[in-house]
PDB file of all heavy atoms in Angstrom:
ATOM      1  N   PRO A   1      25.769 -58.496  59.560  1.00  0.00           N
ATOM      2  CA  PRO A   1      26.148 -59.902  59.373  1.00  0.00           C
ATOM      3  C   PRO A   1      24.949 -60.845  59.328  1.00  0.00           C
ATOM      4  O   PRO A   1      25.055 -61.957  58.809  1.00  0.00           O
ATOM      5  CB  PRO A   1      27.042 -60.205  60.559  1.00  0.00           C
ATOM      6  CG  PRO A   1      26.643 -59.193  61.602  1.00  0.00           C
ATOM      7  CD  PRO A   1      26.264 -57.950  60.852  1.00  0.00           C
ATOM      8  N   SER A   2      23.805 -60.405  59.874  1.00  0.00           N
ATOM      9  CA  SER A   2      22.614 -61.271  59.869  1.00  0.00           C
ATOM     10  C   SER A   2      21.339 -60.440  59.986  1.00  0.00           C
ATOM     11  O   SER A   2      21.373 -59.329  60.526  1.00  0.00           O
ATOM     12  CB  SER A   2      22.662 -62.321  60.982  1.00  0.00           C
ATOM     13  OG  SER A   2      22.588 -61.698  62.255  1.00  0.00           O
ATOM     14  N   ILE A   3      20.243 -61.006  59.473  1.00  0.00           N
ATOM     15  CA  ILE A   3      18.915 -60.437  59.660  1.00  0.00           C
ATOM     16  C   ILE A   3      18.037 -61.548  60.198  1.00  0.00           C
ATOM     17  O   ILE A   3      17.971 -62.636  59.624  1.00  0.00           O
ATOM     18  CB  ILE A   3      18.329 -59.936  58.326  1.00  0.00           C
ATOM     19  CG1 ILE A   3      19.196 -58.836  57.708  1.00  0.00           C
ATOM     20  CG2 ILE A   3      16.904 -59.376  58.544  1.00  0.00           C
ATOM     21  CD1 ILE A   3      18.731 -58.412  56.325  1.00  0.00           C
ATOM     22  N   ASN A   4      17.354 -61.292  61.282  1.00  0.00           N
ATOM     23  CA  ASN A   4      16.394 -62.224  61.850  1.00  0.00           C
ATOM     24  C   ASN A   4      15.123 -61.449  62.165  1.00  0.00           C
ATOM     25  O   ASN A   4      15.177 -60.505  62.967  1.00  0.00           O
ATOM     26  CB  ASN A   4      16.958 -62.887  63.099  1.00  0.00           C
ATOM     27  CG  ASN A   4      18.188 -63.719  62.810  1.00  0.00           C
ATOM     28  OD1 ASN A   4      18.094 -64.802  62.242  1.00  0.00           O
ATOM     29  ND2 ASN A   4      19.358 -63.209  63.182  1.00  0.00           N
ATOM     30  N   ALA A   5      14.018 -61.840  61.556  1.00  0.00           N
ATOM     31  CA  ALA A   5      12.823 -61.011  61.672  1.00  0.00           C
ATOM     32  C   ALA A   5      11.570 -61.866  61.642  1.00  0.00           C
ATOM     33  O   ALA A   5      11.539 -62.932  61.036  1.00  0.00           O
ATOM     34  CB  ALA A   5      12.777 -59.983  60.535  1.00  0.00           C
ATOM     35  N   LEU A   6      10.537 -61.352  62.295  1.00  0.00           N
ATOM     36  CA  LEU A   6       9.203 -61.926  62.198  1.00  0.00           C
ATOM     37  C   LEU A   6       8.579 -61.292  60.962  1.00  0.00           C
ATOM     38  O   LEU A   6       7.949 -60.237  61.031  1.00  0.00           O
ATOM     39  CB  LEU A   6       8.377 -61.622  63.459  1.00  0.00           C
ATOM     40  CG  LEU A   6       7.047 -62.349  63.595  1.00  0.00           C
ATOM     41  CD1 LEU A   6       7.251 -63.848  63.716  1.00  0.00           C
ATOM     42  CD2 LEU A   6       6.269 -61.818  64.787  1.00  0.00           C
ATOM     43  N   GLY A   7       8.778 -61.917  59.818  1.00  0.00           N
ATOM     44  CA  GLY A   7       8.351 -61.329  58.546  1.00  0.00           C
ATOM     45  C   GLY A   7       6.848 -61.271  58.392  1.00  0.00           C
ATOM     46  O   GLY A   7       6.326 -60.312  57.821  1.00  0.00           O
ATOM     47  N   GLN A   8       6.138 -62.295  58.870  1.00  0.00           N
ATOM     48  CA  GLN A   8       4.675 -62.309  58.825  1.00  0.00           C
ATOM     49  C   GLN A   8       4.134 -62.723  60.187  1.00  0.00           C
ATOM     50  O   GLN A   8       4.691 -63.596  60.859  1.00  0.00           O
ATOM     51  CB  GLN A   8       4.158 -63.259  57.754  1.00  0.00           C
ATOM     52  CG  GLN A   8       4.478 -62.874  56.341  1.00  0.00           C
ATOM     53  CD  GLN A   8       3.649 -63.691  55.349  1.00  0.00           C
ATOM     54  OE1 GLN A   8       2.632 -63.217  54.801  1.00  0.00           O
ATOM     55  NE2 GLN A   8       4.084 -64.910  55.072  1.00  0.00           N
ATOM     56  N   ALA A   9       3.026 -62.110  60.567  1.00  0.00           N
ATOM     57  CA  ALA A   9       2.282 -62.493  61.769  1.00  0.00           C
ATOM     58  C   ALA A   9       0.894 -61.932  61.593  1.00  0.00           C
ATOM     59  O   ALA A   9       0.668 -60.735  61.790  1.00  0.00           O
ATOM     60  CB  ALA A   9       2.931 -61.961  63.028  1.00  0.00           C
ATOM     61  N   TYR A  10      -0.066 -62.749  61.173  1.00  0.00           N
ATOM     62  CA  TYR A  10      -1.373 -62.233  60.790  1.00  0.00           C
ATOM     63  C   TYR A  10      -2.493 -63.133  61.255  1.00  0.00           C
ATOM     64  O   TYR A  10      -2.312 -64.324  61.550  1.00  0.00           O
ATOM     65  CB  TYR A  10      -1.437 -62.093  59.257  1.00  0.00           C
ATOM     66  CG  TYR A  10      -1.233 -63.396  58.499  1.00  0.00           C
ATOM     67  CD1 TYR A  10      -2.292 -64.294  58.307  1.00  0.00           C
ATOM     68  CD2 TYR A  10       0.002 -63.747  57.992  1.00  0.00           C
ATOM     69  CE1 TYR A  10      -2.127 -65.488  57.633  1.00  0.00           C
ATOM     70  CE2 TYR A  10       0.198 -64.927  57.309  1.00  0.00           C
ATOM     71  CZ  TYR A  10      -0.865 -65.798  57.133  1.00  0.00           C
ATOM     72  OH  TYR A  10      -0.687 -66.986  56.484  1.00  0.00           O
ATOM     73  N   LEU A  11      -3.675 -62.520  61.319  1.00  0.00           N
ATOM     74  CA  LEU A  11      -4.934 -63.220  61.504  1.00  0.00           C
ATOM     75  C   LEU A  11      -5.745 -63.019  60.234  1.00  0.00           C
ATOM     76  O   LEU A  11      -5.708 -61.938  59.620  1.00  0.00           O
ATOM     77  CB  LEU A  11      -5.707 -62.667  62.695  1.00  0.00           C
ATOM     78  CG  LEU A  11      -5.000 -62.742  64.051  1.00  0.00           C
ATOM     79  CD1 LEU A  11      -5.811 -61.966  65.099  1.00  0.00           C
ATOM     80  CD2 LEU A  11      -4.838 -64.185  64.483  1.00  0.00           C
ATOM     81  N   GLN A  12      -6.510 -64.032  59.829  1.00  0.00           N
ATOM     82  CA  GLN A  12      -7.307 -63.867  58.635  1.00  0.00           C
ATOM     83  C   GLN A  12      -8.621 -64.616  58.722  1.00  0.00           C
ATOM     84  O   GLN A  12      -8.774 -65.598  59.475  1.00  0.00           O
ATOM     85  CB  GLN A  12      -6.520 -64.321  57.392  1.00  0.00           C
ATOM     86  CG  GLN A  12      -6.390 -65.825  57.221  1.00  0.00           C
ATOM     87  CD  GLN A  12      -5.738 -66.150  55.865  1.00  0.00           C
ATOM     88  OE1 GLN A  12      -4.909 -65.410  55.350  1.00  0.00           O
ATOM     89  NE2 GLN A  12      -6.144 -67.277  55.293  1.00  0.00           N
ATOM     90  N   TYR A  13      -9.564 -64.106  57.944  1.00  0.00           N
ATOM     91  CA  TYR A  13     -10.861 -64.759  57.760  1.00  0.00           C
ATOM     92  C   TYR A  13     -11.030 -65.015  56.276  1.00  0.00           C
ATOM     93  O   TYR A  13     -10.820 -64.113  55.456  1.00  0.00           O
ATOM     94  CB  TYR A  13     -11.993 -63.903  58.272  1.00  0.00           C
ATOM     95  CG  TYR A  13     -13.360 -64.489  57.960  1.00  0.00           C
ATOM     96  CD1 TYR A  13     -13.839 -65.566  58.680  1.00  0.00           C
ATOM     97  CD2 TYR A  13     -14.147 -63.979  56.931  1.00  0.00           C
ATOM     98  CE1 TYR A  13     -15.078 -66.138  58.392  1.00  0.00           C
ATOM     99  CE2 TYR A  13     -15.387 -64.520  56.649  1.00  0.00           C
ATOM    100  CZ  TYR A  13     -15.838 -65.605  57.386  1.00  0.00           C
ATOM    101  OH  TYR A  13     -17.066 -66.144  57.081  1.00  0.00           O
ATOM    102  N   GLU A  14     -11.397 -66.261  55.929  1.00  0.00           N
ATOM    103  CA  GLU A  14     -11.466 -66.612  54.506  1.00  0.00           C
ATOM    104  C   GLU A  14     -12.698 -67.439  54.221  1.00  0.00           C
ATOM    105  O   GLU A  14     -13.013 -68.411  54.904  1.00  0.00           O
ATOM    106  CB  GLU A  14     -10.216 -67.380  54.097  1.00  0.00           C
ATOM    107  CG  GLU A  14     -10.201 -67.734  52.611  1.00  0.00           C
ATOM    108  CD  GLU A  14      -8.908 -68.435  52.226  1.00  0.00           C
ATOM    109  OE1 GLU A  14      -8.190 -68.922  53.124  1.00  0.00           O
ATOM    110  OE2 GLU A  14      -8.618 -68.502  51.002  1.00  0.00           O
ATOM    111  N   MET A  15     -13.399 -67.035  53.157  1.00  0.00           N
ATOM    112  CA  MET A  15     -14.432 -67.850  52.532  1.00  0.00           C
ATOM    113  C   MET A  15     -13.892 -68.156  51.131  1.00  0.00           C
ATOM    114  O   MET A  15     -13.846 -67.277  50.268  1.00  0.00           O
ATOM    115  CB  MET A  15     -15.747 -67.076  52.419  1.00  0.00           C
ATOM    116  CG  MET A  15     -16.336 -66.667  53.770  1.00  0.00           C
ATOM    117  SD  MET A  15     -17.776 -65.579  53.592  1.00  0.00           S
ATOM    118  CE  MET A  15     -18.913 -66.662  52.704  1.00  0.00           C
ATOM    119  N   PRO A  16     -13.417 -69.395  50.903  1.00  0.00           N
ATOM    120  CA  PRO A  16     -12.709 -69.706  49.649  1.00  0.00           C
ATOM    121  C   PRO A  16     -13.447 -69.246  48.407  1.00  0.00           C
ATOM    122  O   PRO A  16     -14.653 -69.453  48.263  1.00  0.00           O
ATOM    123  CB  PRO A  16     -12.589 -71.237  49.697  1.00  0.00           C
ATOM    124  CG  PRO A  16     -12.576 -71.554  51.173  1.00  0.00           C
ATOM    125  CD  PRO A  16     -13.516 -70.574  51.769  1.00  0.00           C
ATOM    126  N   LYS A  17     -12.704 -68.561  47.511  1.00  0.00           N
ATOM    127  CA  LYS A  17     -13.204 -68.055  46.248  1.00  0.00           C
ATOM    128  C   LYS A  17     -14.268 -66.989  46.408  1.00  0.00           C
ATOM    129  O   LYS A  17     -14.971 -66.667  45.451  1.00  0.00           O
ATOM    130  CB  LYS A  17     -13.704 -69.186  45.352  1.00  0.00           C
ATOM    131  CG  LYS A  17     -12.617 -70.179  44.943  1.00  0.00           C
ATOM    132  CD  LYS A  17     -13.156 -71.221  43.981  1.00  0.00           C
ATOM    133  CE  LYS A  17     -12.033 -72.179  43.552  1.00  0.00           C
ATOM    134  NZ  LYS A  17     -12.522 -73.176  42.590  1.00  0.00           N
ATOM    135  N   ARG A  18     -14.392 -66.435  47.612  1.00  0.00           N
ATOM    136  CA  ARG A  18     -15.380 -65.361  47.805  1.00  0.00           C
ATOM    137  C   ARG A  18     -14.813 -64.173  48.565  1.00  0.00           C
ATOM    138  O   ARG A  18     -14.901 -63.040  48.118  1.00  0.00           O
ATOM    139  CB  ARG A  18     -16.612 -65.919  48.555  1.00  0.00           C
ATOM    140  CG  ARG A  18     -17.433 -66.938  47.732  1.00  0.00           C
ATOM    141  CD  ARG A  18     -18.697 -67.288  48.444  1.00  0.00           C
ATOM    142  NE  ARG A  18     -19.580 -66.124  48.614  1.00  0.00           N
ATOM    143  CZ  ARG A  18     -20.729 -66.128  49.307  1.00  0.00           C
ATOM    144  NH1 ARG A  18     -21.109 -67.252  49.909  1.00  0.00           N
ATOM    145  NH2 ARG A  18     -21.445 -65.041  49.411  1.00  0.00           N
ATOM    146  N   LEU A  19     -14.176 -64.427  49.732  1.00  0.00           N
ATOM    147  CA  LEU A  19     -13.759 -63.313  50.588  1.00  0.00           C
ATOM    148  C   LEU A  19     -12.525 -63.699  51.371  1.00  0.00           C
ATOM    149  O   LEU A  19     -12.396 -64.828  51.885  1.00  0.00           O
ATOM    150  CB  LEU A  19     -14.885 -62.936  51.550  1.00  0.00           C
ATOM    151  CG  LEU A  19     -14.578 -61.847  52.576  1.00  0.00           C
ATOM    152  CD1 LEU A  19     -14.351 -60.505  51.905  1.00  0.00           C
ATOM    153  CD2 LEU A  19     -15.703 -61.748  53.609  1.00  0.00           C
ATOM    154  N   LEU A  20     -11.590 -62.729  51.489  1.00  0.00           N
ATOM    155  CA  LEU A  20     -10.414 -62.889  52.333  1.00  0.00           C
ATOM    156  C   LEU A  20     -10.145 -61.553  53.015  1.00  0.00           C
ATOM    157  O   LEU A  20     -10.094 -60.505  52.367  1.00  0.00           O
ATOM    158  CB  LEU A  20      -9.201 -63.293  51.498  1.00  0.00           C
ATOM    159  CG  LEU A  20      -7.833 -63.248  52.217  1.00  0.00           C
ATOM    160  CD1 LEU A  20      -7.780 -64.319  53.309  1.00  0.00           C
ATOM    161  CD2 LEU A  20      -6.694 -63.424  51.253  1.00  0.00           C
ATOM    162  N   ILE A  21      -9.977 -61.584  54.354  1.00  0.00           N
ATOM    163  CA  ILE A  21      -9.589 -60.416  55.119  1.00  0.00           C
ATOM    164  C   ILE A  21      -8.396 -60.822  55.982  1.00  0.00           C
ATOM    165  O   ILE A  21      -8.479 -61.772  56.762  1.00  0.00           O
ATOM    166  CB  ILE A  21     -10.717 -59.887  56.009  1.00  0.00           C
ATOM    167  CG1 ILE A  21     -11.935 -59.499  55.137  1.00  0.00           C
ATOM    168  CG2 ILE A  21     -10.256 -58.692  56.817  1.00  0.00           C
ATOM    169  CD1 ILE A  21     -13.154 -59.096  55.967  1.00  0.00           C
ATOM    170  N   ARG A  22      -7.292 -60.104  55.846  1.00  0.00           N
ATOM    171  CA  ARG A  22      -6.083 -60.441  56.591  1.00  0.00           C
ATOM    172  C   ARG A  22      -5.579 -59.199  57.324  1.00  0.00           C
ATOM    173  O   ARG A  22      -5.481 -58.123  56.712  1.00  0.00           O
ATOM    174  CB  ARG A  22      -5.012 -60.972  55.647  1.00  0.00           C
ATOM    175  CG  ARG A  22      -3.731 -61.420  56.360  1.00  0.00           C
ATOM    176  CD  ARG A  22      -2.720 -61.980  55.368  1.00  0.00           C
ATOM    177  NE  ARG A  22      -3.210 -63.191  54.759  1.00  0.00           N
ATOM    178  CZ  ARG A  22      -2.974 -63.519  53.485  1.00  0.00           C
ATOM    179  NH1 ARG A  22      -2.317 -62.692  52.704  1.00  0.00           N
ATOM    180  NH2 ARG A  22      -3.438 -64.670  53.020  1.00  0.00           N
ATOM    181  N   VAL A  23      -5.234 -59.358  58.591  1.00  0.00           N
ATOM    182  CA  VAL A  23      -4.785 -58.260  59.459  1.00  0.00           C
ATOM    183  C   VAL A  23      -3.438 -58.611  60.056  1.00  0.00           C
ATOM    184  O   VAL A  23      -3.294 -59.700  60.620  1.00  0.00           O
ATOM    185  CB  VAL A  23      -5.809 -57.955  60.569  1.00  0.00           C
ATOM    186  CG1 VAL A  23      -5.317 -56.801  61.428  1.00  0.00           C
ATOM    187  CG2 VAL A  23      -7.182 -57.654  60.006  1.00  0.00           C
ATOM    188  N   GLY A  24      -2.466 -57.702  59.916  1.00  0.00           N
ATOM    189  CA  GLY A  24      -1.172 -57.930  60.533  1.00  0.00           C
ATOM    190  C   GLY A  24      -0.041 -57.759  59.553  1.00  0.00           C
ATOM    191  O   GLY A  24      -0.155 -57.077  58.536  1.00  0.00           O
ATOM    192  N   ASN A  25       1.082 -58.430  59.841  1.00  0.00           N
ATOM    193  CA  ASN A  25       2.266 -58.391  59.001  1.00  0.00           C
ATOM    194  C   ASN A  25       2.133 -59.441  57.920  1.00  0.00           C
ATOM    195  O   ASN A  25       1.956 -60.633  58.232  1.00  0.00           O
ATOM    196  CB  ASN A  25       3.530 -58.644  59.814  1.00  0.00           C
ATOM    197  CG  ASN A  25       3.688 -57.670  60.972  1.00  0.00           C
ATOM    198  OD1 ASN A  25       3.058 -56.610  60.987  1.00  0.00           O
ATOM    199  ND2 ASN A  25       4.520 -58.017  61.954  1.00  0.00           N
ATOM    200  N   GLN A  26       2.295 -59.061  56.665  1.00  0.00           N
ATOM    201  CA  GLN A  26       1.959 -59.994  55.575  1.00  0.00           C
ATOM    202  C   GLN A  26       2.636 -59.633  54.274  1.00  0.00           C
ATOM    203  O   GLN A  26       3.065 -58.511  54.049  1.00  0.00           O
ATOM    204  CB  GLN A  26       0.437 -59.992  55.361  1.00  0.00           C
ATOM    205  CG  GLN A  26      -0.110 -58.612  55.069  1.00  0.00           C
ATOM    206  CD  GLN A  26      -1.619 -58.569  55.144  1.00  0.00           C
ATOM    207  OE1 GLN A  26      -2.305 -59.134  54.288  1.00  0.00           O
ATOM    208  NE2 GLN A  26      -2.165 -57.885  56.148  1.00  0.00           N
ATOM    209  N   VAL A  27       2.719 -60.642  53.401  1.00  0.00           N
ATOM    210  CA  VAL A  27       3.152 -60.462  52.024  1.00  0.00           C
ATOM    211  C   VAL A  27       1.969 -59.952  51.205  1.00  0.00           C
ATOM    212  O   VAL A  27       0.862 -60.474  51.318  1.00  0.00           O
ATOM    213  CB  VAL A  27       3.693 -61.778  51.422  1.00  0.00           C
ATOM    214  CG1 VAL A  27       3.978 -61.594  49.925  1.00  0.00           C
ATOM    215  CG2 VAL A  27       4.944 -62.221  52.134  1.00  0.00           C
ATOM    216  N   ILE A  28       2.222 -58.918  50.413  1.00  0.00           N
ATOM    217  CA  ILE A  28       1.181 -58.380  49.539  1.00  0.00           C
ATOM    218  C   ILE A  28       1.753 -58.324  48.121  1.00  0.00           C
ATOM    219  O   ILE A  28       2.931 -57.984  47.932  1.00  0.00           O
ATOM    220  CB  ILE A  28       0.723 -56.979  50.001  1.00  0.00           C
ATOM    221  CG1 ILE A  28      -0.107 -57.104  51.274  1.00  0.00           C
ATOM    222  CG2 ILE A  28      -0.067 -56.256  48.912  1.00  0.00           C
ATOM    223  CD1 ILE A  28      -0.498 -55.783  51.896  1.00  0.00           C
ATOM    224  N   ASN A  29       0.949 -58.674  47.137  1.00  0.00           N
ATOM    225  CA  ASN A  29       1.430 -58.707  45.753  1.00  0.00           C
ATOM    226  C   ASN A  29       0.474 -57.971  44.828  1.00  0.00           C
ATOM    227  O   ASN A  29      -0.585 -58.483  44.482  1.00  0.00           O
ATOM    228  CB  ASN A  29       1.590 -60.175  45.307  1.00  0.00           C
ATOM    229  CG  ASN A  29       2.428 -60.300  44.043  1.00  0.00           C
ATOM    230  OD1 ASN A  29       2.845 -59.296  43.454  1.00  0.00           O
ATOM    231  ND2 ASN A  29       2.649 -61.502  43.614  1.00  0.00           N
ATOM    232  N   THR A  30       0.830 -56.729  44.479  1.00  0.00           N
ATOM    233  CA  THR A  30       0.047 -55.924  43.535  1.00  0.00           C
ATOM    234  C   THR A  30       1.034 -55.280  42.557  1.00  0.00           C
ATOM    235  O   THR A  30       2.259 -55.327  42.770  1.00  0.00           O
ATOM    236  CB  THR A  30      -0.776 -54.839  44.257  1.00  0.00           C
ATOM    237  OG1 THR A  30       0.132 -53.805  44.726  1.00  0.00           O
ATOM    238  CG2 THR A  30      -1.557 -55.411  45.416  1.00  0.00           C
ATOM    239  N   PRO A  31       0.573 -54.662  41.454  1.00  0.00           N
ATOM    240  CA  PRO A  31       1.500 -54.173  40.441  1.00  0.00           C
ATOM    241  C   PRO A  31       2.561 -53.206  40.937  1.00  0.00           C
ATOM    242  O   PRO A  31       3.719 -53.283  40.510  1.00  0.00           O
ATOM    243  CB  PRO A  31       0.549 -53.482  39.435  1.00  0.00           C
ATOM    244  CG  PRO A  31      -0.752 -54.208  39.570  1.00  0.00           C
ATOM    245  CD  PRO A  31      -0.846 -54.535  41.026  1.00  0.00           C
ATOM    246  N   TRP A  32       2.213 -52.246  41.841  1.00  0.00           N
ATOM    247  CA  TRP A  32       3.179 -51.249  42.266  1.00  0.00           C
ATOM    248  C   TRP A  32       3.461 -51.303  43.769  1.00  0.00           C
ATOM    249  O   TRP A  32       3.984 -50.353  44.350  1.00  0.00           O
ATOM    250  CB  TRP A  32       2.726 -49.846  41.851  1.00  0.00           C
ATOM    251  CG  TRP A  32       2.793 -49.694  40.370  1.00  0.00           C
ATOM    252  CD1 TRP A  32       1.800 -49.897  39.465  1.00  0.00           C
ATOM    253  CD2 TRP A  32       3.967 -49.349  39.599  1.00  0.00           C
ATOM    254  NE1 TRP A  32       2.252 -49.702  38.174  1.00  0.00           N
ATOM    255  CE2 TRP A  32       3.577 -49.362  38.217  1.00  0.00           C
ATOM    256  CE3 TRP A  32       5.276 -49.028  39.922  1.00  0.00           C
ATOM    257  CZ2 TRP A  32       4.475 -49.083  37.195  1.00  0.00           C
ATOM    258  CZ3 TRP A  32       6.171 -48.740  38.911  1.00  0.00           C
ATOM    259  CH2 TRP A  32       5.766 -48.767  37.566  1.00  0.00           C
ATOM    260  N   MET A  33       3.128 -52.432  44.352  1.00  0.00           N
ATOM    261  CA  MET A  33       3.396 -52.625  45.781  1.00  0.00           C
ATOM    262  C   MET A  33       3.405 -54.123  46.057  1.00  0.00           C
ATOM    263  O   MET A  33       2.343 -54.760  46.102  1.00  0.00           O
ATOM    264  CB  MET A  33       2.285 -51.928  46.598  1.00  0.00           C
ATOM    265  CG  MET A  33       2.600 -51.743  48.047  1.00  0.00           C
ATOM    266  SD  MET A  33       1.320 -50.662  48.767  1.00  0.00           S
ATOM    267  CE  MET A  33       1.834 -50.685  50.488  1.00  0.00           C
ATOM    268  N   GLY A  34       4.601 -54.702  46.158  1.00  0.00           N
ATOM    269  CA  GLY A  34       4.678 -56.150  46.284  1.00  0.00           C
ATOM    270  C   GLY A  34       5.937 -56.607  47.005  1.00  0.00           C
ATOM    271  O   GLY A  34       6.700 -55.801  47.556  1.00  0.00           O
ATOM    272  N   PRO A  35       6.198 -57.918  46.978  1.00  0.00           N
ATOM    273  CA  PRO A  35       7.294 -58.476  47.780  1.00  0.00           C
ATOM    274  C   PRO A  35       8.687 -58.249  47.217  1.00  0.00           C
ATOM    275  O   PRO A  35       9.640 -58.320  47.940  1.00  0.00           O
ATOM    276  CB  PRO A  35       6.964 -59.969  47.816  1.00  0.00           C
ATOM    277  CG  PRO A  35       6.174 -60.205  46.562  1.00  0.00           C
ATOM    278  CD  PRO A  35       5.369 -58.954  46.363  1.00  0.00           C
ATOM    279  N   ARG A  36       8.789 -57.975  45.897  1.00  0.00           N
ATOM    280  CA  ARG A  36      10.108 -57.819  45.263  1.00  0.00           C
ATOM    281  C   ARG A  36      11.032 -58.952  45.702  1.00  0.00           C
ATOM    282  O   ARG A  36      12.183 -58.717  46.106  1.00  0.00           O
ATOM    283  CB  ARG A  36      10.706 -56.455  45.593  1.00  0.00           C
ATOM    284  CG  ARG A  36       9.861 -55.272  45.178  1.00  0.00           C
ATOM    285  CD  ARG A  36      10.476 -53.971  45.616  1.00  0.00           C
ATOM    286  NE  ARG A  36      11.713 -53.660  44.922  1.00  0.00           N
ATOM    287  CZ  ARG A  36      12.763 -53.060  45.487  1.00  0.00           C
ATOM    288  NH1 ARG A  36      12.718 -52.731  46.777  1.00  0.00           N
ATOM    289  NH2 ARG A  36      13.837 -52.772  44.791  1.00  0.00           N
ATOM    290  N   ASP A  37      10.582 -60.182  45.555  1.00  0.00           N
ATOM    291  CA  ASP A  37      11.276 -61.319  46.126  1.00  0.00           C
ATOM    292  C   ASP A  37      12.383 -61.841  45.219  1.00  0.00           C
ATOM    293  O   ASP A  37      12.362 -62.991  44.769  1.00  0.00           O
ATOM    294  CB  ASP A  37      10.256 -62.423  46.425  1.00  0.00           C
ATOM    295  CG  ASP A  37      10.847 -63.511  47.325  1.00  0.00           C
ATOM    296  OD1 ASP A  37      11.912 -63.277  47.918  1.00  0.00           O
ATOM    297  OD2 ASP A  37      10.242 -64.588  47.423  1.00  0.00           O
ATOM    298  N   SER A  38      13.366 -60.976  44.922  1.00  0.00           N
ATOM    299  CA  SER A  38      14.517 -61.391  44.124  1.00  0.00           C
ATOM    300  C   SER A  38      15.782 -61.332  44.967  1.00  0.00           C
ATOM    301  O   SER A  38      16.881 -61.490  44.420  1.00  0.00           O
ATOM    302  CB  SER A  38      14.670 -60.482  42.913  1.00  0.00           C
ATOM    303  OG  SER A  38      14.857 -59.126  43.301  1.00  0.00           O
ATOM    304  N   ARG A  39      15.674 -61.076  46.252  1.00  0.00           N
ATOM    305  CA  ARG A  39      16.806 -61.074  47.167  1.00  0.00           C
ATOM    306  C   ARG A  39      16.604 -62.178  48.213  1.00  0.00           C
ATOM    307  O   ARG A  39      15.767 -63.044  48.062  1.00  0.00           O
ATOM    308  CB  ARG A  39      16.959 -59.712  47.821  1.00  0.00           C
ATOM    309  CG  ARG A  39      17.185 -58.546  46.857  1.00  0.00           C
ATOM    310  CD  ARG A  39      18.406 -58.736  45.989  1.00  0.00           C
ATOM    311  NE  ARG A  39      18.850 -57.547  45.316  1.00  0.00           N
ATOM    312  CZ  ARG A  39      18.361 -57.087  44.165  1.00  0.00           C
ATOM    313  NH1 ARG A  39      17.371 -57.718  43.562  1.00  0.00           N
ATOM    314  NH2 ARG A  39      18.856 -55.982  43.602  1.00  0.00           N
ATOM    315  N   MET A  40      17.360 -62.126  49.272  1.00  0.00           N
ATOM    316  CA  MET A  40      17.246 -63.169  50.285  1.00  0.00           C
ATOM    317  C   MET A  40      15.873 -63.197  50.928  1.00  0.00           C
ATOM    318  O   MET A  40      15.298 -64.257  51.161  1.00  0.00           O
ATOM    319  CB  MET A  40      18.324 -62.962  51.363  1.00  0.00           C
ATOM    320  CG  MET A  40      19.673 -63.515  50.990  1.00  0.00           C
ATOM    321  SD  MET A  40      19.667 -65.293  50.664  1.00  0.00           S
ATOM    322  CE  MET A  40      19.255 -65.935  52.277  1.00  0.00           C
TER     323      MET A  40
END
């Protein structure tokens, strides 16, 4: 009847337009591994 979840929980280090490192629960978007965000 319901889903309640901690979908993301991450730490990250970012140098804009140069470097990004993210650790934890996160959305990832690549050709064969991604969010498939067409449902709830």
